[in-house]
Amino acid sequence: MSEGKGNATSELGGNTEAIEWVNGSTLDEKSKSNLIKFIMNFPSLTFIRDSDEHLDAKESEHGVTLPPWLRDLRKAFAGFADPMPARFIAYDEDCARYDIVHKIWYTFSLGDMSEDDVPLFVEYAKMYPIGSWVENDRSYLAINLEDPQDRNIYEFAREDLADSRVIDEPPYPDAVFGSYPRMLSRLYQFRAPSGEIIQATNM
């Protein structure tokens, strides 16, 4: 999602360019519809799409293989370049933080974790974070690395994964969105560095 404006291997554009990227892609119509909804909700943002080189670098950085659907998606439309936290109007499915979602400001980037957490997230849970709660590590958003056909976006707390590993139980992240484009379409506010709240034009 937000990878910063200094990434030379990714392409930046305004809302017109972003809609052209999406419409010109081979993504399915439902994905296109959700992405265009997001773009039109926040027309003042700078948007970004990734190159193979950038995605290859991410794989090398954390020793992962990104699922083909994620690579295809991010090469068509990765998200927003502006480094601002955002929050959802709601999760689509129940999870431990379902009732406080309106209080959570997420930051977004591929591999959004510390190096110390790679063994816990990637090796143990087979989850690759794409977003985290800025105040603490109580909530992460991630994709499933184990099943390349699974396009759900999962939510979990670091402490829950750590507890499961200690007692030698499988991790149980919650699927909260059915897809990455659906997740983006459920964002309704951004918080600019000035403190200004940027509101979705239509939810």
N, C-alpha and C. Protein backbone atom coordinates (compact mmCIF):
# COMPACT_ATOMS: atom_id res chain seq x y z
N MET A 1 0.82 -1.18 0.00
CA MET A 1 0.00 0.00 0.00
C MET A 1 0.86 1.25 0.00
N SER A 2 1.19 1.77 1.15
CA SER A 2 2.07 2.93 1.16
C SER A 2 3.52 2.45 1.22
N GLU A 3 4.27 2.73 0.17
CA GLU A 3 5.68 2.36 0.13
C GLU A 3 6.58 3.59 0.12
N GLY A 4 6.00 4.77 0.21
CA GLY A 4 6.79 5.98 0.20
C GLY A 4 7.05 6.48 -1.21
N LYS A 5 7.22 7.77 -1.35
CA LYS A 5 7.37 8.36 -2.68
C LYS A 5 8.78 8.25 -3.23
N GLY A 6 9.73 7.76 -2.43
CA GLY A 6 11.10 7.68 -2.90
C GLY A 6 11.45 6.38 -3.58
N ASN A 7 10.50 5.50 -3.78
CA ASN A 7 10.76 4.20 -4.39
C ASN A 7 10.86 4.36 -5.92
N ALA A 8 12.10 4.30 -6.42
CA ALA A 8 12.35 4.60 -7.82
C ALA A 8 11.81 3.53 -8.76
N THR A 9 11.55 2.34 -8.24
CA THR A 9 11.11 1.25 -9.12
C THR A 9 9.60 1.15 -9.22
N SER A 10 8.87 2.03 -8.56
CA SER A 10 7.42 2.03 -8.64
C SER A 10 6.94 3.29 -9.34
N GLU A 11 5.74 3.21 -9.89
CA GLU A 11 5.18 4.34 -10.64
C GLU A 11 4.12 5.04 -9.81
N LEU A 12 4.18 6.37 -9.80
CA LEU A 12 3.23 7.18 -9.07
C LEU A 12 2.25 7.83 -10.04
N GLY A 13 1.05 8.12 -9.53
CA GLY A 13 0.06 8.79 -10.36
C GLY A 13 -1.07 9.37 -9.55
N GLY A 14 -1.81 10.26 -10.16
CA GLY A 14 -3.00 10.82 -9.53
C GLY A 14 -4.19 9.91 -9.75
N ASN A 15 -5.37 10.41 -9.40
CA ASN A 15 -6.55 9.54 -9.48
C ASN A 15 -6.89 9.15 -10.92
N THR A 16 -6.66 10.05 -11.88
CA THR A 16 -6.95 9.72 -13.28
C THR A 16 -6.05 8.60 -13.77
N GLU A 17 -4.75 8.72 -13.47
CA GLU A 17 -3.81 7.67 -13.89
C GLU A 17 -4.14 6.34 -13.21
N ALA A 18 -4.47 6.41 -11.91
CA ALA A 18 -4.75 5.19 -11.16
C ALA A 18 -5.96 4.45 -11.73
N ILE A 19 -6.99 5.19 -12.09
CA ILE A 19 -8.17 4.55 -12.70
C ILE A 19 -7.80 3.93 -14.04
N GLU A 20 -6.93 4.58 -14.79
CA GLU A 20 -6.48 4.01 -16.07
C GLU A 20 -5.70 2.72 -15.83
N TRP A 21 -4.83 2.70 -14.81
CA TRP A 21 -4.09 1.48 -14.48
C TRP A 21 -5.05 0.32 -14.23
N VAL A 22 -6.05 0.59 -13.39
CA VAL A 22 -6.99 -0.46 -13.00
C VAL A 22 -7.81 -0.93 -14.20
N ASN A 23 -8.37 0.02 -14.93
CA ASN A 23 -9.21 -0.35 -16.07
C ASN A 23 -8.43 -1.08 -17.17
N GLY A 24 -7.15 -0.77 -17.28
CA GLY A 24 -6.32 -1.40 -18.31
C GLY A 24 -5.69 -2.71 -17.88
N SER A 25 -5.96 -3.13 -16.65
CA SER A 25 -5.36 -4.35 -16.11
C SER A 25 -6.18 -5.58 -16.47
N THR A 26 -5.64 -6.75 -16.12
CA THR A 26 -6.35 -8.01 -16.33
C THR A 26 -7.04 -8.48 -15.05
N LEU A 27 -7.18 -7.61 -14.06
CA LEU A 27 -7.86 -7.96 -12.82
C LEU A 27 -9.33 -8.26 -13.10
N ASP A 28 -9.94 -9.07 -12.23
CA ASP A 28 -11.36 -9.38 -12.39
C ASP A 28 -12.20 -8.14 -12.11
N GLU A 29 -13.44 -8.16 -12.56
CA GLU A 29 -14.30 -6.97 -12.48
C GLU A 29 -14.61 -6.57 -11.04
N LYS A 30 -14.75 -7.53 -10.14
CA LYS A 30 -15.02 -7.20 -8.74
C LYS A 30 -13.84 -6.47 -8.12
N SER A 31 -12.64 -6.93 -8.41
CA SER A 31 -11.45 -6.25 -7.91
C SER A 31 -11.35 -4.85 -8.47
N LYS A 32 -11.59 -4.72 -9.77
CA LYS A 32 -11.55 -3.39 -10.39
C LYS A 32 -12.55 -2.45 -9.74
N SER A 33 -13.76 -2.94 -9.50
CA SER A 33 -14.80 -2.11 -8.90
C SER A 33 -14.41 -1.62 -7.51
N ASN A 34 -13.84 -2.51 -6.68
CA ASN A 34 -13.42 -2.12 -5.34
C ASN A 34 -12.26 -1.13 -5.37
N LEU A 35 -11.31 -1.34 -6.27
CA LEU A 35 -10.18 -0.42 -6.36
C LEU A 35 -10.62 0.96 -6.85
N ILE A 36 -11.49 1.00 -7.83
CA ILE A 36 -11.95 2.30 -8.33
C ILE A 36 -12.78 3.01 -7.26
N LYS A 37 -13.54 2.26 -6.48
CA LYS A 37 -14.26 2.88 -5.37
C LYS A 37 -13.30 3.55 -4.42
N PHE A 38 -12.21 2.85 -4.07
CA PHE A 38 -11.21 3.43 -3.18
C PHE A 38 -10.60 4.70 -3.78
N ILE A 39 -10.20 4.63 -5.04
CA ILE A 39 -9.58 5.79 -5.71
C ILE A 39 -10.54 6.98 -5.71
N MET A 40 -11.79 6.74 -6.03
CA MET A 40 -12.75 7.83 -6.10
C MET A 40 -13.12 8.37 -4.72
N ASN A 41 -12.98 7.53 -3.69
CA ASN A 41 -13.23 8.00 -2.33
C ASN A 41 -12.15 8.96 -1.84
N PHE A 42 -10.92 8.82 -2.40
CA PHE A 42 -9.81 9.65 -1.96
C PHE A 42 -9.06 10.21 -3.17
N PRO A 43 -9.71 11.07 -3.96
CA PRO A 43 -9.12 11.53 -5.22
C PRO A 43 -7.89 12.41 -5.05
N SER A 44 -7.65 12.93 -3.85
CA SER A 44 -6.50 13.82 -3.65
C SER A 44 -5.21 13.05 -3.33
N LEU A 45 -5.29 11.75 -3.10
CA LEU A 45 -4.09 10.98 -2.76
C LEU A 45 -3.21 10.78 -3.99
N THR A 46 -1.94 10.46 -3.73
CA THR A 46 -1.03 9.99 -4.76
C THR A 46 -1.04 8.47 -4.71
N PHE A 47 -1.24 7.84 -5.86
CA PHE A 47 -1.36 6.38 -5.91
C PHE A 47 -0.09 5.78 -6.49
N ILE A 48 0.06 4.45 -6.33
CA ILE A 48 1.31 3.80 -6.69
C ILE A 48 1.03 2.41 -7.24
N ARG A 49 1.87 2.00 -8.20
CA ARG A 49 1.87 0.60 -8.63
C ARG A 49 3.32 0.12 -8.69
N ASP A 50 3.51 -1.15 -8.39
CA ASP A 50 4.85 -1.70 -8.21
C ASP A 50 5.42 -2.32 -9.47
N SER A 51 6.74 -2.40 -9.50
CA SER A 51 7.45 -3.10 -10.56
C SER A 51 7.83 -4.49 -10.06
N ASP A 52 8.18 -5.36 -10.99
CA ASP A 52 8.69 -6.68 -10.61
C ASP A 52 9.95 -6.54 -9.75
N GLU A 53 10.79 -5.56 -10.07
CA GLU A 53 12.03 -5.38 -9.31
C GLU A 53 11.75 -5.05 -7.85
N HIS A 54 10.77 -4.21 -7.61
CA HIS A 54 10.42 -3.85 -6.24
C HIS A 54 9.88 -5.06 -5.49
N LEU A 55 9.01 -5.84 -6.14
CA LEU A 55 8.43 -7.01 -5.50
C LEU A 55 9.49 -8.09 -5.27
N ASP A 56 10.42 -8.24 -6.22
CA ASP A 56 11.53 -9.17 -6.03
C ASP A 56 12.36 -8.79 -4.82
N ALA A 57 12.60 -7.49 -4.64
CA ALA A 57 13.39 -7.02 -3.51
C ALA A 57 12.70 -7.32 -2.19
N LYS A 58 11.37 -7.19 -2.17
CA LYS A 58 10.61 -7.51 -0.96
C LYS A 58 10.72 -9.00 -0.63
N GLU A 59 10.64 -9.83 -1.65
CA GLU A 59 10.78 -11.27 -1.42
C GLU A 59 12.15 -11.60 -0.85
N SER A 60 13.19 -10.99 -1.40
CA SER A 60 14.55 -11.25 -0.93
C SER A 60 14.76 -10.74 0.49
N GLU A 61 14.16 -9.61 0.79
CA GLU A 61 14.34 -9.00 2.11
C GLU A 61 13.87 -9.91 3.23
N HIS A 62 12.74 -10.59 3.02
CA HIS A 62 12.17 -11.40 4.10
C HIS A 62 12.19 -12.90 3.80
N GLY A 63 12.80 -13.31 2.69
CA GLY A 63 12.88 -14.72 2.37
C GLY A 63 11.53 -15.36 2.11
N VAL A 64 10.66 -14.66 1.36
CA VAL A 64 9.31 -15.16 1.10
C VAL A 64 9.07 -15.25 -0.41
N THR A 65 8.03 -15.99 -0.77
CA THR A 65 7.52 -15.99 -2.13
C THR A 65 6.12 -15.42 -2.10
N LEU A 66 5.93 -14.26 -2.68
CA LEU A 66 4.61 -13.64 -2.69
C LEU A 66 3.69 -14.41 -3.62
N PRO A 67 2.42 -14.58 -3.25
CA PRO A 67 1.49 -15.29 -4.13
C PRO A 67 1.31 -14.55 -5.44
N PRO A 68 1.14 -15.28 -6.54
CA PRO A 68 0.98 -14.63 -7.86
C PRO A 68 -0.12 -13.59 -7.90
N TRP A 69 -1.24 -13.83 -7.19
CA TRP A 69 -2.34 -12.86 -7.23
C TRP A 69 -1.91 -11.52 -6.66
N LEU A 70 -1.06 -11.55 -5.62
CA LEU A 70 -0.62 -10.29 -5.02
C LEU A 70 0.33 -9.54 -5.95
N ARG A 71 1.22 -10.27 -6.59
CA ARG A 71 2.13 -9.63 -7.54
C ARG A 71 1.33 -9.00 -8.69
N ASP A 72 0.39 -9.75 -9.25
CA ASP A 72 -0.42 -9.22 -10.35
C ASP A 72 -1.19 -7.97 -9.92
N LEU A 73 -1.74 -8.02 -8.73
CA LEU A 73 -2.52 -6.90 -8.22
C LEU A 73 -1.66 -5.67 -8.03
N ARG A 74 -0.53 -5.85 -7.36
CA ARG A 74 0.29 -4.68 -7.04
C ARG A 74 0.98 -4.10 -8.27
N LYS A 75 1.17 -4.90 -9.30
CA LYS A 75 1.71 -4.34 -10.55
C LYS A 75 0.66 -3.53 -11.30
N ALA A 76 -0.61 -3.82 -11.02
CA ALA A 76 -1.70 -3.03 -11.60
C ALA A 76 -2.02 -1.82 -10.73
N PHE A 77 -2.08 -2.06 -9.41
CA PHE A 77 -2.41 -1.01 -8.46
C PHE A 77 -2.00 -1.47 -7.07
N ALA A 78 -1.02 -0.79 -6.48
CA ALA A 78 -0.52 -1.21 -5.16
C ALA A 78 -1.24 -0.51 -4.02
N GLY A 79 -1.70 0.71 -4.25
CA GLY A 79 -2.37 1.44 -3.18
C GLY A 79 -2.02 2.91 -3.21
N PHE A 80 -1.77 3.46 -2.04
CA PHE A 80 -1.49 4.89 -1.93
C PHE A 80 -0.04 5.10 -1.51
N ALA A 81 0.58 6.14 -2.05
CA ALA A 81 1.98 6.41 -1.77
C ALA A 81 2.16 7.31 -0.56
N ASP A 82 1.14 8.07 -0.22
CA ASP A 82 1.25 9.03 0.89
C ASP A 82 1.43 8.28 2.20
N PRO A 83 2.48 8.59 2.99
CA PRO A 83 2.74 7.85 4.24
C PRO A 83 1.83 8.33 5.37
N MET A 84 0.57 7.96 5.30
CA MET A 84 -0.41 8.39 6.30
C MET A 84 -1.14 7.18 6.87
N PRO A 85 -1.43 7.20 8.17
CA PRO A 85 -2.27 6.13 8.73
C PRO A 85 -3.72 6.29 8.28
N ALA A 86 -4.43 5.18 8.27
CA ALA A 86 -5.83 5.18 7.82
C ALA A 86 -6.63 4.22 8.69
N ARG A 87 -7.95 4.40 8.66
CA ARG A 87 -8.78 3.45 9.41
C ARG A 87 -10.00 3.04 8.61
N PHE A 88 -10.56 1.90 9.04
CA PHE A 88 -11.68 1.28 8.34
C PHE A 88 -13.01 1.69 8.96
N ILE A 89 -14.03 1.73 8.13
CA ILE A 89 -15.36 1.95 8.65
C ILE A 89 -15.83 0.71 9.41
N ALA A 90 -15.34 -0.46 8.98
CA ALA A 90 -15.64 -1.72 9.68
C ALA A 90 -14.82 -2.83 9.04
N TYR A 91 -14.58 -3.89 9.80
CA TYR A 91 -14.12 -5.14 9.20
C TYR A 91 -15.35 -5.84 8.61
N ASP A 92 -15.13 -6.68 7.63
CA ASP A 92 -16.25 -7.43 7.06
C ASP A 92 -16.63 -8.64 7.91
N GLU A 93 -15.66 -9.16 8.67
CA GLU A 93 -15.89 -10.34 9.48
C GLU A 93 -15.44 -10.08 10.91
N ASP A 94 -15.94 -10.91 11.82
CA ASP A 94 -15.65 -10.75 13.24
C ASP A 94 -14.18 -11.07 13.54
N CYS A 95 -13.64 -10.38 14.53
CA CYS A 95 -12.29 -10.64 15.01
C CYS A 95 -12.19 -10.04 16.41
N ALA A 96 -11.06 -10.25 17.06
CA ALA A 96 -10.90 -9.79 18.45
C ALA A 96 -11.03 -8.28 18.57
N ARG A 97 -10.72 -7.55 17.53
CA ARG A 97 -10.76 -6.08 17.59
C ARG A 97 -11.94 -5.50 16.81
N TYR A 98 -12.92 -6.34 16.53
CA TYR A 98 -14.06 -5.91 15.72
C TYR A 98 -14.75 -4.68 16.31
N ASP A 99 -14.94 -4.66 17.63
CA ASP A 99 -15.70 -3.58 18.28
C ASP A 99 -14.91 -2.28 18.44
N ILE A 100 -13.59 -2.32 18.21
CA ILE A 100 -12.79 -1.10 18.36
C ILE A 100 -12.16 -0.66 17.05
N VAL A 101 -12.64 -1.21 15.93
CA VAL A 101 -12.02 -0.91 14.65
C VAL A 101 -12.00 0.60 14.38
N HIS A 102 -13.00 1.33 14.85
CA HIS A 102 -13.07 2.77 14.59
C HIS A 102 -11.99 3.55 15.35
N LYS A 103 -11.30 2.89 16.30
CA LYS A 103 -10.22 3.54 17.05
C LYS A 103 -8.84 3.22 16.49
N ILE A 104 -8.77 2.30 15.55
CA ILE A 104 -7.47 1.79 15.10
C ILE A 104 -7.00 2.51 13.84
N TRP A 105 -5.82 3.10 13.93
CA TRP A 105 -5.18 3.73 12.78
C TRP A 105 -4.08 2.81 12.29
N TYR A 106 -4.25 2.26 11.11
CA TYR A 106 -3.26 1.36 10.52
C TYR A 106 -2.28 2.12 9.63
N THR A 107 -1.02 1.69 9.67
CA THR A 107 -0.07 2.06 8.63
C THR A 107 0.09 0.86 7.72
N PHE A 108 0.45 1.09 6.46
CA PHE A 108 0.46 0.02 5.48
C PHE A 108 1.78 -0.02 4.71
N SER A 109 2.34 -1.22 4.57
CA SER A 109 3.45 -1.47 3.65
C SER A 109 3.68 -2.98 3.59
N LEU A 110 4.24 -3.44 2.50
CA LEU A 110 4.58 -4.85 2.39
C LEU A 110 5.65 -5.21 3.40
N GLY A 111 5.45 -6.31 4.11
CA GLY A 111 6.44 -6.73 5.10
C GLY A 111 6.50 -5.82 6.30
N ASP A 112 5.34 -5.36 6.75
CA ASP A 112 5.24 -4.37 7.84
C ASP A 112 5.48 -5.05 9.19
N MET A 113 6.76 -5.34 9.47
CA MET A 113 7.13 -6.01 10.72
C MET A 113 8.62 -5.76 10.98
N SER A 114 9.02 -5.98 12.22
CA SER A 114 10.44 -5.87 12.56
C SER A 114 11.16 -7.15 12.15
N GLU A 115 12.47 -7.08 12.00
CA GLU A 115 13.24 -8.27 11.65
C GLU A 115 13.09 -9.35 12.71
N ASP A 116 12.94 -8.94 13.97
CA ASP A 116 12.80 -9.91 15.05
C ASP A 116 11.51 -10.72 14.93
N ASP A 117 10.52 -10.18 14.22
CA ASP A 117 9.23 -10.86 14.11
C ASP A 117 9.12 -11.77 12.88
N VAL A 118 10.12 -11.78 12.02
CA VAL A 118 10.07 -12.63 10.83
C VAL A 118 9.90 -14.11 11.21
N PRO A 119 10.66 -14.63 12.19
CA PRO A 119 10.46 -16.04 12.55
C PRO A 119 9.05 -16.33 13.04
N LEU A 120 8.45 -15.41 13.80
CA LEU A 120 7.11 -15.62 14.34
C LEU A 120 6.05 -15.50 13.26
N PHE A 121 6.10 -14.43 12.49
CA PHE A 121 5.06 -14.17 11.50
C PHE A 121 5.19 -15.07 10.27
N VAL A 122 6.37 -15.08 9.67
CA VAL A 122 6.57 -15.74 8.38
C VAL A 122 6.81 -17.24 8.55
N GLU A 123 7.73 -17.61 9.43
CA GLU A 123 8.12 -19.01 9.54
C GLU A 123 7.09 -19.83 10.34
N TYR A 124 6.59 -19.27 11.43
CA TYR A 124 5.64 -20.01 12.25
C TYR A 124 4.20 -19.87 11.74
N ALA A 125 3.71 -18.64 11.61
CA ALA A 125 2.31 -18.42 11.27
C ALA A 125 2.04 -18.44 9.76
N LYS A 126 3.10 -18.36 8.94
CA LYS A 126 2.95 -18.31 7.48
C LYS A 126 2.11 -17.11 7.05
N MET A 127 2.29 -16.01 7.77
CA MET A 127 1.57 -14.77 7.49
C MET A 127 2.58 -13.69 7.08
N TYR A 128 2.22 -12.89 6.09
CA TYR A 128 3.08 -11.79 5.63
C TYR A 128 2.33 -10.49 5.85
N PRO A 129 2.77 -9.69 6.83
CA PRO A 129 2.03 -8.47 7.18
C PRO A 129 2.06 -7.42 6.06
N ILE A 130 0.92 -6.76 5.91
CA ILE A 130 0.82 -5.64 4.97
C ILE A 130 0.37 -4.37 5.67
N GLY A 131 0.09 -4.47 6.98
CA GLY A 131 -0.34 -3.30 7.73
C GLY A 131 -0.27 -3.56 9.22
N SER A 132 -0.13 -2.48 10.01
CA SER A 132 -0.07 -2.63 11.46
C SER A 132 -0.68 -1.42 12.15
N TRP A 133 -1.14 -1.62 13.35
CA TRP A 133 -1.69 -0.56 14.20
C TRP A 133 -0.53 0.28 14.71
N VAL A 134 -0.59 1.56 14.48
CA VAL A 134 0.57 2.41 14.74
C VAL A 134 0.90 2.55 16.21
N GLU A 135 -0.08 2.50 17.11
CA GLU A 135 0.21 2.72 18.52
C GLU A 135 0.97 1.57 19.16
N ASN A 136 0.73 0.35 18.71
CA ASN A 136 1.37 -0.81 19.31
C ASN A 136 1.27 -1.97 18.32
N ASP A 137 1.61 -3.17 18.77
CA ASP A 137 1.55 -4.30 17.85
C ASP A 137 0.37 -5.21 18.16
N ARG A 138 -0.73 -4.62 18.60
CA ARG A 138 -1.90 -5.41 18.93
C ARG A 138 -2.70 -5.85 17.70
N SER A 139 -2.46 -5.24 16.56
CA SER A 139 -3.22 -5.63 15.38
C SER A 139 -2.36 -5.53 14.13
N TYR A 140 -2.30 -6.64 13.42
CA TYR A 140 -1.63 -6.69 12.13
C TYR A 140 -2.62 -7.17 11.08
N LEU A 141 -2.45 -6.71 9.86
CA LEU A 141 -3.17 -7.21 8.70
C LEU A 141 -2.17 -7.95 7.83
N ALA A 142 -2.56 -9.14 7.33
CA ALA A 142 -1.58 -9.96 6.63
C ALA A 142 -2.24 -10.85 5.59
N ILE A 143 -1.39 -11.35 4.67
CA ILE A 143 -1.84 -12.34 3.70
C ILE A 143 -1.28 -13.71 4.10
N ASN A 144 -1.89 -14.75 3.55
CA ASN A 144 -1.50 -16.13 3.82
C ASN A 144 -0.41 -16.55 2.84
N LEU A 145 0.76 -16.90 3.35
CA LEU A 145 1.86 -17.34 2.49
C LEU A 145 1.79 -18.82 2.17
N GLU A 146 1.04 -19.59 2.95
CA GLU A 146 1.02 -21.04 2.80
C GLU A 146 0.14 -21.49 1.64
N ASP A 147 -0.95 -20.78 1.41
CA ASP A 147 -1.90 -21.15 0.36
C ASP A 147 -1.97 -20.02 -0.67
N PRO A 148 -1.32 -20.17 -1.82
CA PRO A 148 -1.30 -19.09 -2.81
C PRO A 148 -2.66 -18.81 -3.44
N GLN A 149 -3.64 -19.68 -3.19
CA GLN A 149 -4.99 -19.44 -3.70
C GLN A 149 -5.84 -18.61 -2.74
N ASP A 150 -5.38 -18.47 -1.51
CA ASP A 150 -6.13 -17.76 -0.47
C ASP A 150 -5.90 -16.25 -0.60
N ARG A 151 -6.95 -15.52 -0.93
CA ARG A 151 -6.82 -14.07 -1.13
C ARG A 151 -7.35 -13.27 0.06
N ASN A 152 -7.72 -13.95 1.13
CA ASN A 152 -8.23 -13.24 2.30
C ASN A 152 -7.18 -12.36 2.94
N ILE A 153 -7.63 -11.33 3.63
CA ILE A 153 -6.77 -10.50 4.46
C ILE A 153 -7.08 -10.87 5.91
N TYR A 154 -6.02 -11.22 6.66
CA TYR A 154 -6.16 -11.70 8.02
C TYR A 154 -5.75 -10.64 9.04
N GLU A 155 -6.36 -10.74 10.22
CA GLU A 155 -6.04 -9.83 11.33
C GLU A 155 -5.62 -10.66 12.53
N PHE A 156 -4.59 -10.19 13.24
CA PHE A 156 -4.13 -10.88 14.45
C PHE A 156 -3.30 -9.92 15.30
N ALA A 157 -3.12 -10.29 16.55
CA ALA A 157 -2.23 -9.58 17.46
C ALA A 157 -0.93 -10.37 17.58
N ARG A 158 0.17 -9.68 17.68
CA ARG A 158 1.46 -10.36 17.85
C ARG A 158 1.44 -11.25 19.08
N GLU A 159 0.88 -10.73 20.18
CA GLU A 159 0.89 -11.49 21.43
C GLU A 159 0.14 -12.80 21.30
N ASP A 160 -0.91 -12.83 20.48
CA ASP A 160 -1.67 -14.06 20.29
C ASP A 160 -0.85 -15.10 19.54
N LEU A 161 -0.11 -14.67 18.51
CA LEU A 161 0.76 -15.60 17.80
C LEU A 161 1.84 -16.13 18.73
N ALA A 162 2.42 -15.25 19.52
CA ALA A 162 3.49 -15.66 20.44
C ALA A 162 2.97 -16.67 21.45
N ASP A 163 1.77 -16.43 21.97
CA ASP A 163 1.18 -17.37 22.94
C ASP A 163 0.93 -18.73 22.31
N SER A 164 0.42 -18.74 21.09
CA SER A 164 0.14 -20.00 20.41
C SER A 164 1.42 -20.79 20.17
N ARG A 165 2.49 -20.09 19.82
CA ARG A 165 3.76 -20.78 19.58
C ARG A 165 4.31 -21.38 20.87
N VAL A 166 4.18 -20.65 21.99
CA VAL A 166 4.69 -21.14 23.27
C VAL A 166 4.00 -22.44 23.68
N ILE A 167 2.69 -22.53 23.47
CA ILE A 167 1.96 -23.73 23.87
C ILE A 167 1.86 -24.75 22.74
N ASP A 168 2.59 -24.48 21.65
CA ASP A 168 2.69 -25.40 20.53
C ASP A 168 1.33 -25.71 19.92
N GLU A 169 0.55 -24.65 19.65
CA GLU A 169 -0.72 -24.79 18.97
C GLU A 169 -0.66 -24.05 17.63
N PRO A 170 -1.49 -24.43 16.68
CA PRO A 170 -1.52 -23.69 15.41
C PRO A 170 -2.01 -22.26 15.64
N PRO A 171 -1.52 -21.32 14.86
CA PRO A 171 -2.03 -19.95 14.96
C PRO A 171 -3.43 -19.85 14.38
N TYR A 172 -4.23 -18.93 14.89
CA TYR A 172 -5.60 -18.78 14.40
C TYR A 172 -5.92 -17.33 14.06
N PRO A 173 -5.25 -16.78 13.03
CA PRO A 173 -5.63 -15.42 12.59
C PRO A 173 -7.06 -15.42 12.05
N ASP A 174 -7.71 -14.26 12.12
CA ASP A 174 -9.08 -14.12 11.63
C ASP A 174 -9.08 -13.49 10.24
N ALA A 175 -9.82 -14.10 9.31
CA ALA A 175 -10.01 -13.49 7.99
C ALA A 175 -11.04 -12.38 8.13
N VAL A 176 -10.62 -11.13 7.86
CA VAL A 176 -11.52 -9.99 8.07
C VAL A 176 -11.98 -9.33 6.78
N PHE A 177 -11.25 -9.56 5.67
CA PHE A 177 -11.68 -9.09 4.36
C PHE A 177 -11.44 -10.20 3.35
N GLY A 178 -12.33 -10.30 2.37
CA GLY A 178 -12.22 -11.36 1.38
C GLY A 178 -11.16 -11.14 0.33
N SER A 179 -10.65 -9.91 0.24
CA SER A 179 -9.61 -9.62 -0.75
C SER A 179 -8.93 -8.30 -0.39
N TYR A 180 -7.78 -8.10 -1.00
CA TYR A 180 -7.03 -6.85 -0.85
C TYR A 180 -7.83 -5.65 -1.39
N PRO A 181 -8.41 -5.76 -2.61
CA PRO A 181 -9.21 -4.63 -3.10
C PRO A 181 -10.40 -4.31 -2.20
N ARG A 182 -11.06 -5.35 -1.68
CA ARG A 182 -12.18 -5.12 -0.76
C ARG A 182 -11.68 -4.38 0.48
N MET A 183 -10.52 -4.76 1.00
CA MET A 183 -9.96 -4.08 2.16
C MET A 183 -9.78 -2.59 1.89
N LEU A 184 -9.19 -2.25 0.75
CA LEU A 184 -8.97 -0.84 0.43
C LEU A 184 -10.30 -0.08 0.35
N SER A 185 -11.31 -0.74 -0.20
CA SER A 185 -12.60 -0.07 -0.38
C SER A 185 -13.29 0.24 0.94
N ARG A 186 -12.84 -0.39 2.04
CA ARG A 186 -13.46 -0.17 3.35
C ARG A 186 -12.73 0.89 4.18
N LEU A 187 -11.67 1.47 3.65
CA LEU A 187 -11.01 2.59 4.33
C LEU A 187 -11.89 3.83 4.20
N TYR A 188 -12.02 4.59 5.31
CA TYR A 188 -12.87 5.76 5.22
C TYR A 188 -12.23 7.03 5.75
N GLN A 189 -11.06 6.95 6.36
CA GLN A 189 -10.37 8.15 6.83
C GLN A 189 -8.86 7.97 6.75
N PHE A 190 -8.17 9.05 6.38
CA PHE A 190 -6.72 9.14 6.50
C PHE A 190 -6.39 10.28 7.44
N ARG A 191 -5.25 10.17 8.11
CA ARG A 191 -4.80 11.25 8.99
C ARG A 191 -3.49 11.81 8.44
N ALA A 192 -3.56 13.05 7.94
CA ALA A 192 -2.40 13.71 7.37
C ALA A 192 -1.40 14.09 8.45
N PRO A 193 -0.12 14.31 8.10
CA PRO A 193 0.88 14.72 9.10
C PRO A 193 0.48 15.98 9.86
N SER A 194 -0.30 16.85 9.25
CA SER A 194 -0.77 18.07 9.91
C SER A 194 -1.84 17.79 10.96
N GLY A 195 -2.37 16.56 10.96
CA GLY A 195 -3.48 16.22 11.84
C GLY A 195 -4.82 16.29 11.14
N GLU A 196 -4.85 16.85 9.93
CA GLU A 196 -6.11 16.93 9.19
C GLU A 196 -6.64 15.54 8.87
N ILE A 197 -7.93 15.37 9.01
CA ILE A 197 -8.59 14.10 8.67
C ILE A 197 -9.13 14.20 7.25
N ILE A 198 -8.70 13.28 6.41
CA ILE A 198 -9.18 13.21 5.03
C ILE A 198 -10.27 12.15 4.97
N GLN A 199 -11.48 12.58 4.66
CA GLN A 199 -12.66 11.72 4.74
C GLN A 199 -13.00 11.16 3.36
N ALA A 200 -13.44 9.90 3.33
CA ALA A 200 -13.91 9.32 2.08
C ALA A 200 -15.08 10.12 1.54
N THR A 201 -15.16 10.27 0.25
CA THR A 201 -16.23 11.07 -0.35
C THR A 201 -17.56 10.35 -0.29
N ASN A 202 -17.52 9.02 -0.24
CA ASN A 202 -18.78 8.26 -0.23
C ASN A 202 -18.54 6.87 0.35
N MET A 203 -19.24 6.54 1.42
CA MET A 203 -19.18 5.19 1.98
C MET A 203 -20.60 4.60 1.98
